[in-house]
Amino acid sequence: MKLFKEIWSDRMFIGLVALIAIGMSLIYFGKGSAAPTQGILTTSAQTTPVPASTTKIGALERELESKLQANLLQMDGAGKVHVSVSFSTGLKAEYARNENITKRTSKETDKVGGTRETTEVTQNNQVVMPSSSSQPVMVMEDRPEVAGVLIIAEGARDAKVREGIHTAVQTLLSIPGSKITVVPMGGS
């Protein structure tokens, strides 16, 4: 239990440092955005999927697998461990958008005395690109959703060890237990 608390404490510290770094980068990139030529500058909450190549998602899966494996190897009774992780979604990002809305109204009167009012609305919604950069200003990036985790462990023949591994993975990834399978390692 002491080891689990230490791991949990380390994860909380790393998460806090990551949040601070993300916040600082948002402040830094926010200063570089260009002013609109006319209209209103807003940050839109539209989600735009980031095209993620198989290699990037694969790299994220391998990174998560090695982190889980390193933690599980520290557990009493787990023995040798092999971890496989799969994601059901790719990376998603929200970008800052420059929304420009122009509204023009005109009134016309004909010879008979009738009037007609016309309103024209033009809307332009562009992703904000800082000067001298080819990357848009990112407001937020979401991690991929875990589809499932398979853990093959020597110690999984023992029900108590198997349950401990299952609980640790469920806690570390904040996913339902139904997405986690723990099985004993085969062979001799």
C-alpha atoms as a PDB file:
ATOM      1  CA  MET A   1       0.000   0.000   0.000  1.00  0.00           C
ATOM      2  CA  LYS A   2       2.916   2.319   0.771  1.00  0.00           C
ATOM      3  CA  LEU A   3       4.347   1.780  -2.742  1.00  0.00           C
ATOM      4  CA  PHE A   4       0.951   2.487  -4.288  1.00  0.00           C
ATOM      5  CA  LYS A   5       0.692   5.772  -2.339  1.00  0.00           C
ATOM      6  CA  GLU A   6       4.179   6.777  -3.516  1.00  0.00           C
ATOM      7  CA  ILE A   7       3.273   6.016  -7.159  1.00  0.00           C
ATOM      8  CA  TRP A   8      -0.012   7.915  -6.798  1.00  0.00           C
ATOM      9  CA  SER A   9       1.820  10.886  -5.220  1.00  0.00           C
ATOM     10  CA  ASP A  10       4.382  10.924  -8.051  1.00  0.00           C
ATOM     11  CA  ARG A  11       1.582  10.801 -10.664  1.00  0.00           C
ATOM     12  CA  MET A  12      -0.221  13.723  -9.020  1.00  0.00           C
ATOM     13  CA  PHE A  13       3.000  15.784  -9.013  1.00  0.00           C
ATOM     14  CA  ILE A  14       3.700  15.005 -12.693  1.00  0.00           C
ATOM     15  CA  GLY A  15       0.091  15.881 -13.589  1.00  0.00           C
ATOM     16  CA  LEU A  16       0.348  19.211 -11.764  1.00  0.00           C
ATOM     17  CA  VAL A  17       3.624  20.077 -13.525  1.00  0.00           C
ATOM     18  CA  ALA A  18       2.042  19.173 -16.895  1.00  0.00           C
ATOM     19  CA  LEU A  19      -0.975  21.426 -16.197  1.00  0.00           C
ATOM     20  CA  ILE A  20       1.296  24.343 -15.302  1.00  0.00           C
ATOM     21  CA  ALA A  21       3.351  23.812 -18.475  1.00  0.00           C
ATOM     22  CA  ILE A  22       0.217  23.727 -20.630  1.00  0.00           C
ATOM     23  CA  GLY A  23      -1.108  26.887 -18.989  1.00  0.00           C
ATOM     24  CA  MET A  24       2.194  28.708 -19.543  1.00  0.00           C
ATOM     25  CA  SER A  25       2.297  27.680 -23.208  1.00  0.00           C
ATOM     26  CA  LEU A  26      -1.269  28.910 -23.714  1.00  0.00           C
ATOM     27  CA  ILE A  27      -0.327  32.280 -22.222  1.00  0.00           C
ATOM     28  CA  TYR A  28       2.805  32.466 -24.406  1.00  0.00           C
ATOM     29  CA  PHE A  29       1.041  31.523 -27.667  1.00  0.00           C
ATOM     30  CA  GLY A  30      -1.958  33.703 -26.862  1.00  0.00           C
ATOM     31  CA  LYS A  31       0.235  36.848 -26.963  1.00  0.00           C
ATOM     32  CA  GLY A  32       1.393  36.098 -30.495  1.00  0.00           C
ATOM     33  CA  SER A  33      -2.036  35.971 -32.130  1.00  0.00           C
ATOM     34  CA  ALA A  34      -2.786  38.581 -34.777  1.00  0.00           C
ATOM     35  CA  ALA A  35      -5.500  41.184 -34.305  1.00  0.00           C
ATOM     36  CA  PRO A  36      -8.544  40.862 -36.589  1.00  0.00           C
ATOM     37  CA  THR A  37      -8.908  43.235 -39.514  1.00  0.00           C
ATOM     38  CA  GLN A  38     -12.547  43.872 -38.615  1.00  0.00           C
ATOM     39  CA  GLY A  39     -15.195  42.255 -36.452  1.00  0.00           C
ATOM     40  CA  ILE A  40     -14.873  40.384 -33.226  1.00  0.00           C
ATOM     41  CA  LEU A  41     -12.014  38.160 -32.002  1.00  0.00           C
ATOM     42  CA  THR A  42     -13.338  35.160 -30.148  1.00  0.00           C
ATOM     43  CA  THR A  43     -12.062  31.792 -29.062  1.00  0.00           C
ATOM     44  CA  SER A  44     -14.400  29.198 -30.420  1.00  0.00           C
ATOM     45  CA  ALA A  45     -15.015  25.917 -28.595  1.00  0.00           C
ATOM     46  CA  GLN A  46     -15.210  23.887 -31.769  1.00  0.00           C
ATOM     47  CA  THR A  47     -13.375  20.579 -31.620  1.00  0.00           C
ATOM     48  CA  THR A  48     -11.237  19.776 -34.621  1.00  0.00           C
ATOM     49  CA  PRO A  49      -9.776  16.268 -34.831  1.00  0.00           C
ATOM     50  CA  VAL A  50      -6.017  16.253 -35.214  1.00  0.00           C
ATOM     51  CA  PRO A  51      -4.954  13.889 -37.963  1.00  0.00           C
ATOM     52  CA  ALA A  52      -2.901  11.303 -36.077  1.00  0.00           C
ATOM     53  CA  SER A  53      -0.764   8.934 -38.033  1.00  0.00           C
ATOM     54  CA  THR A  54      -0.537   5.338 -36.947  1.00  0.00           C
ATOM     55  CA  THR A  55       3.021   5.908 -35.797  1.00  0.00           C
ATOM     56  CA  LYS A  56       2.059   8.730 -33.415  1.00  0.00           C
ATOM     57  CA  ILE A  57      -0.784   6.743 -31.849  1.00  0.00           C
ATOM     58  CA  GLY A  58       1.433   3.662 -31.797  1.00  0.00           C
ATOM     59  CA  ALA A  59       4.138   5.653 -30.013  1.00  0.00           C
ATOM     60  CA  LEU A  60       1.611   6.859 -27.423  1.00  0.00           C
ATOM     61  CA  GLU A  61       0.430   3.278 -26.882  1.00  0.00           C
ATOM     62  CA  ARG A  62       4.007   2.022 -26.444  1.00  0.00           C
ATOM     63  CA  GLU A  63       4.796   4.849 -24.015  1.00  0.00           C
ATOM     64  CA  LEU A  64       1.757   4.035 -21.887  1.00  0.00           C
ATOM     65  CA  GLU A  65       2.560   0.315 -22.014  1.00  0.00           C
ATOM     66  CA  SER A  66       6.102   0.864 -20.747  1.00  0.00           C
ATOM     67  CA  LYS A  67       4.914   3.158 -17.931  1.00  0.00           C
ATOM     68  CA  LEU A  68       2.309   0.628 -16.821  1.00  0.00           C
ATOM     69  CA  GLN A  69       4.825  -2.213 -17.056  1.00  0.00           C
ATOM     70  CA  ALA A  70       7.356  -0.286 -14.944  1.00  0.00           C
ATOM     71  CA  ASN A  71       4.740   0.266 -12.242  1.00  0.00           C
ATOM     72  CA  LEU A  72       3.424  -3.302 -12.298  1.00  0.00           C
ATOM     73  CA  LEU A  73       6.914  -4.791 -12.062  1.00  0.00           C
ATOM     74  CA  GLN A  74       7.223  -3.032  -8.694  1.00  0.00           C
ATOM     75  CA  MET A  75       4.142  -4.789  -7.309  1.00  0.00           C
ATOM     76  CA  ASP A  76       4.724  -7.634  -4.873  1.00  0.00           C
ATOM     77  CA  GLY A  77       4.064 -11.007  -6.503  1.00  0.00           C
ATOM     78  CA  ALA A  78       3.503  -9.717 -10.045  1.00  0.00           C
ATOM     79  CA  GLY A  79       6.723 -11.195 -11.446  1.00  0.00           C
ATOM     80  CA  LYS A  80       7.408 -10.738 -15.157  1.00  0.00           C
ATOM     81  CA  VAL A  81       4.783  -8.556 -16.813  1.00  0.00           C
ATOM     82  CA  HIS A  82       3.774  -7.848 -20.412  1.00  0.00           C
ATOM     83  CA  VAL A  83       1.324  -4.971 -21.087  1.00  0.00           C
ATOM     84  CA  SER A  84      -0.672  -4.175 -24.253  1.00  0.00           C
ATOM     85  CA  VAL A  85      -2.737  -0.976 -24.601  1.00  0.00           C
ATOM     86  CA  SER A  86      -5.039   0.051 -27.442  1.00  0.00           C
ATOM     87  CA  PHE A  87      -6.749   3.392 -28.019  1.00  0.00           C
ATOM     88  CA  SER A  88     -10.248   3.783 -29.436  1.00  0.00           C
ATOM     89  CA  THR A  89      -9.775   7.420 -30.491  1.00  0.00           C
ATOM     90  CA  GLY A  90      -6.965   9.590 -31.743  1.00  0.00           C
ATOM     91  CA  LEU A  91      -5.718  12.894 -30.419  1.00  0.00           C
ATOM     92  CA  LYS A  92      -8.230  15.749 -30.505  1.00  0.00           C
ATOM     93  CA  ALA A  93      -7.434  19.435 -30.318  1.00  0.00           C
ATOM     94  CA  GLU A  94      -9.302  22.711 -30.030  1.00  0.00           C
ATOM     95  CA  TYR A  95      -7.861  25.696 -31.892  1.00  0.00           C
ATOM     96  CA  ALA A  96      -8.396  29.407 -31.316  1.00  0.00           C
ATOM     97  CA  ARG A  97     -10.547  30.892 -34.074  1.00  0.00           C
ATOM     98  CA  ASN A  98     -10.867  34.424 -35.423  1.00  0.00           C
ATOM     99  CA  GLU A  99     -14.575  34.924 -35.953  1.00  0.00           C
ATOM    100  CA  ASN A 100     -15.481  37.870 -38.158  1.00  0.00           C
ATOM    101  CA  ILE A 101     -19.182  38.720 -38.548  1.00  0.00           C
ATOM    102  CA  THR A 102     -20.294  41.578 -40.812  1.00  0.00           C
ATOM    103  CA  LYS A 103     -23.946  42.670 -40.861  1.00  0.00           C
ATOM    104  CA  ARG A 104     -25.265  45.112 -43.469  1.00  0.00           C
ATOM    105  CA  THR A 105     -28.869  46.330 -43.676  1.00  0.00           C
ATOM    106  CA  SER A 106     -30.334  48.335 -46.564  1.00  0.00           C
ATOM    107  CA  LYS A 107     -33.795  49.873 -47.114  1.00  0.00           C
ATOM    108  CA  GLU A 108     -35.277  50.436 -50.550  1.00  0.00           C
ATOM    109  CA  THR A 109     -38.430  52.329 -51.465  1.00  0.00           C
ATOM    110  CA  ASP A 110     -40.142  51.702 -54.793  1.00  0.00           C
ATOM    111  CA  LYS A 111     -42.179  54.176 -56.897  1.00  0.00           C
ATOM    112  CA  VAL A 112     -45.460  53.023 -55.410  1.00  0.00           C
ATOM    113  CA  GLY A 113     -44.302  53.793 -51.859  1.00  0.00           C
ATOM    114  CA  GLY A 114     -43.556  50.224 -50.721  1.00  0.00           C
ATOM    115  CA  THR A 115     -40.411  49.613 -48.741  1.00  0.00           C
ATOM    116  CA  ARG A 116     -38.154  46.608 -48.674  1.00  0.00           C
ATOM    117  CA  GLU A 117     -35.491  45.969 -46.038  1.00  0.00           C
ATOM    118  CA  THR A 118     -32.593  43.616 -46.820  1.00  0.00           C
ATOM    119  CA  THR A 119     -30.110  42.304 -44.269  1.00  0.00           C
ATOM    120  CA  GLU A 120     -26.885  40.655 -45.405  1.00  0.00           C
ATOM    121  CA  VAL A 121     -24.766  38.756 -42.875  1.00  0.00           C
ATOM    122  CA  THR A 122     -21.253  37.608 -43.765  1.00  0.00           C
ATOM    123  CA  GLN A 123     -19.490  35.253 -41.379  1.00  0.00           C
ATOM    124  CA  ASN A 124     -15.829  34.254 -41.557  1.00  0.00           C
ATOM    125  CA  ASN A 125     -14.405  31.712 -39.106  1.00  0.00           C
ATOM    126  CA  GLN A 126     -10.639  31.180 -39.454  1.00  0.00           C
ATOM    127  CA  VAL A 127      -8.156  29.315 -37.300  1.00  0.00           C
ATOM    128  CA  VAL A 128      -5.733  31.757 -35.606  1.00  0.00           C
ATOM    129  CA  MET A 129      -2.208  31.450 -36.995  1.00  0.00           C
ATOM    130  CA  PRO A 130       0.507  33.382 -35.131  1.00  0.00           C
ATOM    131  CA  SER A 131       2.845  35.420 -37.306  1.00  0.00           C
ATOM    132  CA  SER A 132       5.878  33.478 -38.559  1.00  0.00           C
ATOM    133  CA  SER A 133       4.376  30.116 -37.559  1.00  0.00           C
ATOM    134  CA  SER A 134       2.831  27.306 -39.547  1.00  0.00           C
ATOM    135  CA  GLN A 135       1.048  25.833 -36.523  1.00  0.00           C
ATOM    136  CA  PRO A 136      -2.327  27.208 -35.355  1.00  0.00           C
ATOM    137  CA  VAL A 137      -2.858  28.396 -31.783  1.00  0.00           C
ATOM    138  CA  MET A 138      -4.028  25.368 -29.800  1.00  0.00           C
ATOM    139  CA  VAL A 139      -6.416  26.012 -26.926  1.00  0.00           C
ATOM    140  CA  MET A 140      -6.634  22.427 -25.663  1.00  0.00           C
ATOM    141  CA  GLU A 141      -5.522  18.906 -26.594  1.00  0.00           C
ATOM    142  CA  ASP A 142      -7.353  15.778 -25.413  1.00  0.00           C
ATOM    143  CA  ARG A 143      -5.643  12.458 -24.895  1.00  0.00           C
ATOM    144  CA  PRO A 144      -6.884   9.459 -26.823  1.00  0.00           C
ATOM    145  CA  GLU A 145      -9.474   7.263 -25.098  1.00  0.00           C
ATOM    146  CA  VAL A 146      -8.237   3.848 -23.944  1.00  0.00           C
ATOM    147  CA  ALA A 147     -10.141   1.014 -25.645  1.00  0.00           C
ATOM    148  CA  GLY A 148      -8.603  -1.765 -23.599  1.00  0.00           C
ATOM    149  CA  VAL A 149      -5.623  -3.026 -21.620  1.00  0.00           C
ATOM    150  CA  LEU A 150      -4.261  -6.574 -21.515  1.00  0.00           C
ATOM    151  CA  ILE A 151      -1.812  -7.523 -18.772  1.00  0.00           C
ATOM    152  CA  ILE A 152      -0.026 -10.868 -18.858  1.00  0.00           C
ATOM    153  CA  ALA A 153       1.758 -11.471 -15.560  1.00  0.00           C
ATOM    154  CA  GLU A 154       3.561 -14.399 -13.955  1.00  0.00           C
ATOM    155  CA  GLY A 155       1.894 -13.749 -10.632  1.00  0.00           C
ATOM    156  CA  ALA A 156      -1.633 -13.516 -12.073  1.00  0.00           C
ATOM    157  CA  ARG A 157      -2.284 -17.178 -11.150  1.00  0.00           C
ATOM    158  CA  ASP A 158      -2.804 -15.879  -7.602  1.00  0.00           C
ATOM    159  CA  ALA A 159      -6.267 -14.256  -7.372  1.00  0.00           C
ATOM    160  CA  LYS A 160      -5.061 -11.621  -4.883  1.00  0.00           C
ATOM    161  CA  VAL A 161      -2.182 -10.526  -7.146  1.00  0.00           C
ATOM    162  CA  ARG A 162      -4.484 -10.533 -10.205  1.00  0.00           C
ATOM    163  CA  GLU A 163      -6.984  -8.317  -8.369  1.00  0.00           C
ATOM    164  CA  GLY A 164      -4.201  -5.960  -7.223  1.00  0.00           C
ATOM    165  CA  ILE A 165      -2.922  -5.577 -10.796  1.00  0.00           C
ATOM    166  CA  HIS A 166      -6.460  -4.984 -12.077  1.00  0.00           C
ATOM    167  CA  THR A 167      -7.166  -2.341  -9.437  1.00  0.00           C
ATOM    168  CA  ALA A 168      -3.825  -0.576  -9.985  1.00  0.00           C
ATOM    169  CA  VAL A 169      -4.371  -0.277 -13.752  1.00  0.00           C
ATOM    170  CA  GLN A 170      -7.971   0.858 -13.277  1.00  0.00           C
ATOM    171  CA  THR A 171      -6.828   3.557 -10.847  1.00  0.00           C
ATOM    172  CA  LEU A 172      -3.843   4.742 -12.905  1.00  0.00           C
ATOM    173  CA  LEU A 173      -5.836   5.083 -16.132  1.00  0.00           C
ATOM    174  CA  SER A 174      -9.235   6.048 -14.663  1.00  0.00           C
ATOM    175  CA  ILE A 175     -11.024   3.550 -16.884  1.00  0.00           C
ATOM    176  CA  PRO A 176     -13.784   1.035 -16.087  1.00  0.00           C
ATOM    177  CA  GLY A 177     -12.662  -2.400 -14.962  1.00  0.00           C
ATOM    178  CA  SER A 178     -14.407  -3.972 -17.951  1.00  0.00           C
ATOM    179  CA  LYS A 179     -11.685  -2.538 -20.216  1.00  0.00           C
ATOM    180  CA  ILE A 180      -8.918  -4.360 -18.318  1.00  0.00           C
ATOM    181  CA  THR A 181      -7.981  -8.033 -18.617  1.00  0.00           C
ATOM    182  CA  VAL A 182      -5.331  -9.653 -16.411  1.00  0.00           C
ATOM    183  CA  VAL A 183      -4.201 -13.187 -17.271  1.00  0.00           C
ATOM    184  CA  PRO A 184      -1.424 -15.506 -16.059  1.00  0.00           C
ATOM    185  CA  MET A 185       1.715 -15.859 -18.159  1.00  0.00           C
ATOM    186  CA  GLY A 186       1.949 -19.188 -19.968  1.00  0.00           C
ATOM    187  CA  GLY A 187       4.962 -21.422 -20.477  1.00  0.00           C
ATOM    188  CA  SER A 188       7.498 -22.409 -17.885  1.00  0.00           C
END
